[in-house]
Amino acid sequence: MGIENFITFMFTALIFVMTPGIDTVFVLNKSILQGRKSGVQAAFGINTGVLAHTVFAALGLSVLLSKSDVAFAAIKYIGFIYLIYLGCLKLKNNKEVLNITKDATQNKKVKSDFWSGFLTNTLNPKVALFFLAFFPQFIAPDQIENPVPFILLGITFALIGTVWYVGLTFFATTFTDKIKNNPSFSIYLNKVSGIVFILMGLKIILT
């Protein structure tokens, strides 16, 4: 299939996925504040974004992004605006009551969590550049222009990420009951999450 050192790739990908970053913060925030369904959907959304970046890399769009200042700047500013928007929403949320068990509103939130996770990952240009630098190291030189190895590596990376973030969700939701018994903690967590999202947006814009 044009892939070299696949086991090494899987191990390295797991290390990268486990390294705390914006995706980890996003999944933890959704899991603790809104419950397991939201966390799982956020995890699926993030890794669907991984697949989107994989397609971009396979089609050569990531190469264009890395060589075009205009394209990179456009994606960077869109990602910056979106993260600042998420951060401001969190900072403005002063609700003390967690509404985790009401199915009527939860189904709508779940869909929103998926797309929020997807956009959070897709609009981060650093992910595209990471894939562009990381994947070719595990592709045979004579297959570097073949999209199949990129796609297979991307699917593997997404599967590893999904397993990790879903596991993280199940771990994080063990704290949900404790938070429900201390509703003011949700306000504190929203504020902290909001600041983290804004800082990550600033980190992207300064890249």
C-alpha atoms as a PDB file:
ATOM      1  CA  MET A   1       0.000   0.000   0.000  1.00  0.00           C
ATOM      2  CA  GLY A   2       3.052   2.256  -0.064  1.00  0.00           C
ATOM      3  CA  ILE A   3       3.253   2.553   3.738  1.00  0.00           C
ATOM      4  CA  GLU A   4       6.470   1.984   5.684  1.00  0.00           C
ATOM      5  CA  ASN A   5       6.941   1.321   9.442  1.00  0.00           C
ATOM      6  CA  PHE A   6       3.198   1.164  10.097  1.00  0.00           C
ATOM      7  CA  ILE A   7       3.568   0.014  13.729  1.00  0.00           C
ATOM      8  CA  THR A   8       5.879   2.942  14.426  1.00  0.00           C
ATOM      9  CA  PHE A   9       3.315   5.248  12.840  1.00  0.00           C
ATOM     10  CA  MET A  10       0.548   3.900  15.106  1.00  0.00           C
ATOM     11  CA  PHE A  11       2.652   4.333  18.236  1.00  0.00           C
ATOM     12  CA  THR A  12       3.739   7.853  17.265  1.00  0.00           C
ATOM     13  CA  ALA A  13       0.176   8.829  16.325  1.00  0.00           C
ATOM     14  CA  LEU A  14      -1.051   7.644  19.728  1.00  0.00           C
ATOM     15  CA  ILE A  15       1.544   9.831  21.445  1.00  0.00           C
ATOM     16  CA  PHE A  16       0.443  12.861  19.431  1.00  0.00           C
ATOM     17  CA  VAL A  17      -3.249  12.180  20.112  1.00  0.00           C
ATOM     18  CA  MET A  18      -2.625  11.773  23.851  1.00  0.00           C
ATOM     19  CA  THR A  19      -0.706  15.057  24.030  1.00  0.00           C
ATOM     20  CA  PRO A  20      -3.116  17.642  25.542  1.00  0.00           C
ATOM     21  CA  GLY A  21      -4.263  20.305  23.097  1.00  0.00           C
ATOM     22  CA  ILE A  22      -7.335  22.091  21.884  1.00  0.00           C
ATOM     23  CA  ASP A  23      -9.101  18.848  20.932  1.00  0.00           C
ATOM     24  CA  THR A  24      -8.547  17.406  24.411  1.00  0.00           C
ATOM     25  CA  VAL A  25      -9.862  20.561  26.073  1.00  0.00           C
ATOM     26  CA  PHE A  26     -12.905  20.568  23.792  1.00  0.00           C
ATOM     27  CA  VAL A  27     -13.820  16.928  24.494  1.00  0.00           C
ATOM     28  CA  LEU A  28     -13.302  17.277  28.258  1.00  0.00           C
ATOM     29  CA  ASN A  29     -15.405  20.415  28.358  1.00  0.00           C
ATOM     30  CA  LYS A  30     -18.302  18.801  26.489  1.00  0.00           C
ATOM     31  CA  SER A  31     -18.062  15.583  28.494  1.00  0.00           C
ATOM     32  CA  ILE A  32     -18.000  17.114  31.958  1.00  0.00           C
ATOM     33  CA  LEU A  33     -20.528  19.881  31.406  1.00  0.00           C
ATOM     34  CA  GLN A  34     -22.999  18.245  29.029  1.00  0.00           C
ATOM     35  CA  GLY A  35     -22.592  14.522  29.537  1.00  0.00           C
ATOM     36  CA  ARG A  36     -21.349  11.430  27.756  1.00  0.00           C
ATOM     37  CA  LYS A  37     -23.362  11.826  24.534  1.00  0.00           C
ATOM     38  CA  SER A  38     -21.972  15.299  23.943  1.00  0.00           C
ATOM     39  CA  GLY A  39     -18.409  14.138  24.609  1.00  0.00           C
ATOM     40  CA  VAL A  40     -18.715  11.181  22.246  1.00  0.00           C
ATOM     41  CA  GLN A  41     -20.196  13.322  19.476  1.00  0.00           C
ATOM     42  CA  ALA A  42     -17.453  15.925  19.964  1.00  0.00           C
ATOM     43  CA  ALA A  43     -14.897  13.109  19.619  1.00  0.00           C
ATOM     44  CA  PHE A  44     -16.550  11.909  16.398  1.00  0.00           C
ATOM     45  CA  GLY A  45     -16.640  15.475  15.066  1.00  0.00           C
ATOM     46  CA  ILE A  46     -12.964  16.074  15.783  1.00  0.00           C
ATOM     47  CA  ASN A  47     -11.888  12.878  14.061  1.00  0.00           C
ATOM     48  CA  THR A  48     -14.156  13.554  11.098  1.00  0.00           C
ATOM     49  CA  GLY A  49     -12.129  16.747  10.853  1.00  0.00           C
ATOM     50  CA  VAL A  50      -9.007  14.567  10.824  1.00  0.00           C
ATOM     51  CA  LEU A  51     -10.443  12.695   7.843  1.00  0.00           C
ATOM     52  CA  ALA A  52     -11.149  16.021   6.126  1.00  0.00           C
ATOM     53  CA  HIS A  53      -7.507  17.055   6.582  1.00  0.00           C
ATOM     54  CA  THR A  54      -6.502  13.654   5.233  1.00  0.00           C
ATOM     55  CA  VAL A  55      -8.490  14.237   2.056  1.00  0.00           C
ATOM     56  CA  PHE A  56      -6.966  17.713   1.742  1.00  0.00           C
ATOM     57  CA  ALA A  57      -3.470  16.242   2.056  1.00  0.00           C
ATOM     58  CA  ALA A  58      -4.246  13.441  -0.411  1.00  0.00           C
ATOM     59  CA  LEU A  59      -5.545  15.942  -2.961  1.00  0.00           C
ATOM     60  CA  GLY A  60      -2.556  18.219  -2.502  1.00  0.00           C
ATOM     61  CA  LEU A  61      -4.523  21.042  -0.885  1.00  0.00           C
ATOM     62  CA  SER A  62      -2.293  20.949   2.181  1.00  0.00           C
ATOM     63  CA  VAL A  63       0.694  21.555  -0.094  1.00  0.00           C
ATOM     64  CA  LEU A  64      -1.096  24.617  -1.470  1.00  0.00           C
ATOM     65  CA  LEU A  65      -1.810  25.745   2.091  1.00  0.00           C
ATOM     66  CA  SER A  66       1.831  25.402   3.066  1.00  0.00           C
ATOM     67  CA  LYS A  67       3.061  27.349   0.022  1.00  0.00           C
ATOM     68  CA  SER A  68       0.393  30.059  -0.180  1.00  0.00           C
ATOM     69  CA  ASP A  69       0.561  32.830   2.390  1.00  0.00           C
ATOM     70  CA  VAL A  70      -2.912  33.992   1.408  1.00  0.00           C
ATOM     71  CA  ALA A  71      -4.523  30.547   1.790  1.00  0.00           C
ATOM     72  CA  PHE A  72      -2.776  29.895   5.089  1.00  0.00           C
ATOM     73  CA  ALA A  73      -3.720  33.318   6.445  1.00  0.00           C
ATOM     74  CA  ALA A  74      -7.359  32.877   5.416  1.00  0.00           C
ATOM     75  CA  ILE A  75      -7.715  29.528   7.213  1.00  0.00           C
ATOM     76  CA  LYS A  76      -5.765  30.851  10.174  1.00  0.00           C
ATOM     77  CA  TYR A  77      -8.029  33.878  10.647  1.00  0.00           C
ATOM     78  CA  ILE A  78     -11.194  31.798  10.237  1.00  0.00           C
ATOM     79  CA  GLY A  79      -9.923  29.381  12.884  1.00  0.00           C
ATOM     80  CA  PHE A  80      -8.962  32.296  15.135  1.00  0.00           C
ATOM     81  CA  ILE A  81     -12.409  33.891  14.861  1.00  0.00           C
ATOM     82  CA  TYR A  82     -14.180  30.597  15.533  1.00  0.00           C
ATOM     83  CA  LEU A  83     -12.119  29.824  18.650  1.00  0.00           C
ATOM     84  CA  ILE A  84     -12.579  33.347  19.999  1.00  0.00           C
ATOM     85  CA  TYR A  85     -16.317  32.937  19.385  1.00  0.00           C
ATOM     86  CA  LEU A  86     -16.374  29.663  21.354  1.00  0.00           C
ATOM     87  CA  GLY A  87     -14.341  31.251  24.135  1.00  0.00           C
ATOM     88  CA  CYS A  88     -16.674  34.244  24.423  1.00  0.00           C
ATOM     89  CA  LEU A  89     -19.717  31.941  24.546  1.00  0.00           C
ATOM     90  CA  LYS A  90     -18.148  30.064  27.449  1.00  0.00           C
ATOM     91  CA  LEU A  91     -17.249  33.245  29.297  1.00  0.00           C
ATOM     92  CA  LYS A  92     -20.801  34.584  28.924  1.00  0.00           C
ATOM     93  CA  ASN A  93     -22.414  31.356  30.157  1.00  0.00           C
ATOM     94  CA  ASN A  94     -23.372  31.948  33.789  1.00  0.00           C
ATOM     95  CA  LYS A  95     -25.880  29.104  34.122  1.00  0.00           C
ATOM     96  CA  GLU A  96     -25.474  27.123  37.321  1.00  0.00           C
ATOM     97  CA  VAL A  97     -27.786  24.246  36.429  1.00  0.00           C
ATOM     98  CA  LEU A  98     -26.485  21.452  34.217  1.00  0.00           C
ATOM     99  CA  ASN A  99     -29.148  20.087  31.901  1.00  0.00           C
ATOM    100  CA  ILE A 100     -27.663  16.688  31.127  1.00  0.00           C
ATOM    101  CA  THR A 101     -30.664  14.395  31.414  1.00  0.00           C
ATOM    102  CA  LYS A 102     -33.344  16.159  29.369  1.00  0.00           C
ATOM    103  CA  ASP A 103     -33.499  14.289  26.064  1.00  0.00           C
ATOM    104  CA  ALA A 104     -35.605  16.891  24.233  1.00  0.00           C
ATOM    105  CA  THR A 105     -32.846  19.462  24.203  1.00  0.00           C
ATOM    106  CA  GLN A 106     -29.933  17.033  24.416  1.00  0.00           C
ATOM    107  CA  ASN A 107     -30.473  15.631  20.901  1.00  0.00           C
ATOM    108  CA  LYS A 108     -30.131  19.110  19.397  1.00  0.00           C
ATOM    109  CA  LYS A 109     -27.015  19.789  21.471  1.00  0.00           C
ATOM    110  CA  VAL A 110     -25.463  16.493  20.385  1.00  0.00           C
ATOM    111  CA  LYS A 111     -25.664  17.456  16.699  1.00  0.00           C
ATOM    112  CA  SER A 112     -24.188  20.849  17.527  1.00  0.00           C
ATOM    113  CA  ASP A 113     -21.351  19.189  19.471  1.00  0.00           C
ATOM    114  CA  PHE A 114     -20.427  17.061  16.451  1.00  0.00           C
ATOM    115  CA  TRP A 115     -20.199  20.047  14.120  1.00  0.00           C
ATOM    116  CA  SER A 116     -18.402  22.163  16.714  1.00  0.00           C
ATOM    117  CA  GLY A 117     -15.770  19.430  17.058  1.00  0.00           C
ATOM    118  CA  PHE A 118     -15.508  19.124  13.283  1.00  0.00           C
ATOM    119  CA  LEU A 119     -15.007  22.867  12.782  1.00  0.00           C
ATOM    120  CA  THR A 120     -12.594  23.187  15.697  1.00  0.00           C
ATOM    121  CA  ASN A 121     -10.295  20.642  14.070  1.00  0.00           C
ATOM    122  CA  THR A 122     -10.847  21.519  10.405  1.00  0.00           C
ATOM    123  CA  LEU A 123     -10.246  25.253  10.893  1.00  0.00           C
ATOM    124  CA  ASN A 124      -6.883  24.708  12.556  1.00  0.00           C
ATOM    125  CA  PRO A 125      -4.251  25.143   9.807  1.00  0.00           C
ATOM    126  CA  LYS A 126      -1.586  23.668  12.083  1.00  0.00           C
ATOM    127  CA  VAL A 127      -3.302  20.279  11.750  1.00  0.00           C
ATOM    128  CA  ALA A 128      -3.013  20.416   7.954  1.00  0.00           C
ATOM    129  CA  LEU A 129       0.669  21.315   8.144  1.00  0.00           C
ATOM    130  CA  PHE A 130       1.251  18.626  10.770  1.00  0.00           C
ATOM    131  CA  PHE A 131      -0.202  15.962   8.483  1.00  0.00           C
ATOM    132  CA  LEU A 132       1.830  17.278   5.574  1.00  0.00           C
ATOM    133  CA  ALA A 133       5.035  16.938   7.604  1.00  0.00           C
ATOM    134  CA  PHE A 134       4.149  13.758   9.505  1.00  0.00           C
ATOM    135  CA  PHE A 135       2.541  11.378   7.001  1.00  0.00           C
ATOM    136  CA  PRO A 136       5.242  11.429   4.260  1.00  0.00           C
ATOM    137  CA  GLN A 137       7.758  10.034   6.760  1.00  0.00           C
ATOM    138  CA  PHE A 138       5.824   6.748   6.640  1.00  0.00           C
ATOM    139  CA  ILE A 139       5.192   6.645   2.883  1.00  0.00           C
ATOM    140  CA  ALA A 140       7.550   4.990   0.400  1.00  0.00           C
ATOM    141  CA  PRO A 141       9.321   7.640  -1.722  1.00  0.00           C
ATOM    142  CA  ASP A 142       7.957   6.196  -4.955  1.00  0.00           C
ATOM    143  CA  GLN A 143       4.383   6.426  -3.558  1.00  0.00           C
ATOM    144  CA  ILE A 144       4.543   9.973  -2.221  1.00  0.00           C
ATOM    145  CA  GLU A 145       2.209  11.274  -4.948  1.00  0.00           C
ATOM    146  CA  ASN A 146      -0.239   8.404  -4.492  1.00  0.00           C
ATOM    147  CA  PRO A 147      -3.290   9.505  -2.415  1.00  0.00           C
ATOM    148  CA  VAL A 148      -3.980   5.966  -1.116  1.00  0.00           C
ATOM    149  CA  PRO A 149      -1.208   5.892   1.553  1.00  0.00           C
ATOM    150  CA  PHE A 150      -2.275   9.329   2.817  1.00  0.00           C
ATOM    151  CA  ILE A 151      -5.880   8.173   3.136  1.00  0.00           C
ATOM    152  CA  LEU A 152      -4.969   4.915   4.906  1.00  0.00           C
ATOM    153  CA  LEU A 153      -2.719   6.719   7.371  1.00  0.00           C
ATOM    154  CA  GLY A 154      -5.402   9.350   7.952  1.00  0.00           C
ATOM    155  CA  ILE A 155      -8.057   6.716   8.649  1.00  0.00           C
ATOM    156  CA  THR A 156      -5.703   4.991  11.083  1.00  0.00           C
ATOM    157  CA  PHE A 157      -4.949   8.295  12.821  1.00  0.00           C
ATOM    158  CA  ALA A 158      -8.682   9.065  13.078  1.00  0.00           C
ATOM    159  CA  LEU A 159      -9.469   5.616  14.520  1.00  0.00           C
ATOM    160  CA  ILE A 160      -6.742   5.992  17.142  1.00  0.00           C
ATOM    161  CA  GLY A 161      -8.043   9.460  18.003  1.00  0.00           C
ATOM    162  CA  THR A 162     -11.637   8.248  18.256  1.00  0.00           C
ATOM    163  CA  VAL A 163     -10.740   5.427  20.648  1.00  0.00           C
ATOM    164  CA  TRP A 164      -8.664   7.774  22.814  1.00  0.00           C
ATOM    165  CA  TYR A 165     -11.210  10.601  23.009  1.00  0.00           C
ATOM    166  CA  VAL A 166     -14.180   8.284  23.601  1.00  0.00           C
ATOM    167  CA  GLY A 167     -12.210   6.655  26.432  1.00  0.00           C
ATOM    168  CA  LEU A 168     -11.416  10.134  27.761  1.00  0.00           C
ATOM    169  CA  THR A 169     -15.121  10.960  27.613  1.00  0.00           C
ATOM    170  CA  PHE A 170     -16.102   7.935  29.684  1.00  0.00           C
ATOM    171  CA  PHE A 171     -13.438   8.850  32.228  1.00  0.00           C
ATOM    172  CA  ALA A 172     -14.472  12.519  32.383  1.00  0.00           C
ATOM    173  CA  THR A 173     -18.178  11.804  32.829  1.00  0.00           C
ATOM    174  CA  THR A 174     -17.431  10.091  36.140  1.00  0.00           C
ATOM    175  CA  PHE A 175     -17.139  13.636  37.477  1.00  0.00           C
ATOM    176  CA  THR A 176     -20.538  14.704  36.133  1.00  0.00           C
ATOM    177  CA  ASP A 177     -22.508  13.725  39.259  1.00  0.00           C
ATOM    178  CA  LYS A 178     -20.076  15.593  41.471  1.00  0.00           C
ATOM    179  CA  ILE A 179     -20.499  18.696  39.331  1.00  0.00           C
ATOM    180  CA  LYS A 180     -24.287  18.405  39.426  1.00  0.00           C
ATOM    181  CA  ASN A 181     -24.058  18.421  43.224  1.00  0.00           C
ATOM    182  CA  ASN A 182     -21.914  21.547  43.031  1.00  0.00           C
ATOM    183  CA  PRO A 183     -23.508  23.593  40.207  1.00  0.00           C
ATOM    184  CA  SER A 184     -21.325  26.658  40.766  1.00  0.00           C
ATOM    185  CA  PHE A 185     -18.354  24.577  39.594  1.00  0.00           C
ATOM    186  CA  SER A 186     -19.847  24.513  36.080  1.00  0.00           C
ATOM    187  CA  ILE A 187     -19.590  28.306  35.945  1.00  0.00           C
ATOM    188  CA  TYR A 188     -15.945  28.133  36.988  1.00  0.00           C
ATOM    189  CA  LEU A 189     -15.206  25.443  34.395  1.00  0.00           C
ATOM    190  CA  ASN A 190     -16.952  27.496  31.677  1.00  0.00           C
ATOM    191  CA  LYS A 191     -14.779  30.501  32.515  1.00  0.00           C
ATOM    192  CA  VAL A 192     -11.587  28.439  32.468  1.00  0.00           C
ATOM    193  CA  SER A 193     -12.586  26.754  29.201  1.00  0.00           C
ATOM    194  CA  GLY A 194     -13.441  30.113  27.651  1.00  0.00           C
ATOM    195  CA  ILE A 195     -10.028  31.514  28.535  1.00  0.00           C
ATOM    196  CA  VAL A 196      -8.327  28.370  27.165  1.00  0.00           C
ATOM    197  CA  PHE A 197     -10.202  28.628  23.840  1.00  0.00           C
ATOM    198  CA  ILE A 198      -9.293  32.302  23.509  1.00  0.00           C
ATOM    199  CA  LEU A 199      -5.627  31.581  24.290  1.00  0.00           C
ATOM    200  CA  MET A 200      -5.569  28.803  21.694  1.00  0.00           C
ATOM    201  CA  GLY A 201      -7.140  31.149  19.164  1.00  0.00           C
ATOM    202  CA  LEU A 202      -4.396  33.658  19.884  1.00  0.00           C
ATOM    203  CA  LYS A 203      -1.809  30.886  19.537  1.00  0.00           C
ATOM    204  CA  ILE A 204      -3.136  30.069  16.064  1.00  0.00           C
ATOM    205  CA  ILE A 205      -3.145  33.705  14.969  1.00  0.00           C
ATOM    206  CA  LEU A 206       0.457  34.129  16.155  1.00  0.00           C
ATOM    207  CA  THR A 207       1.663  31.040  14.247  1.00  0.00           C
END
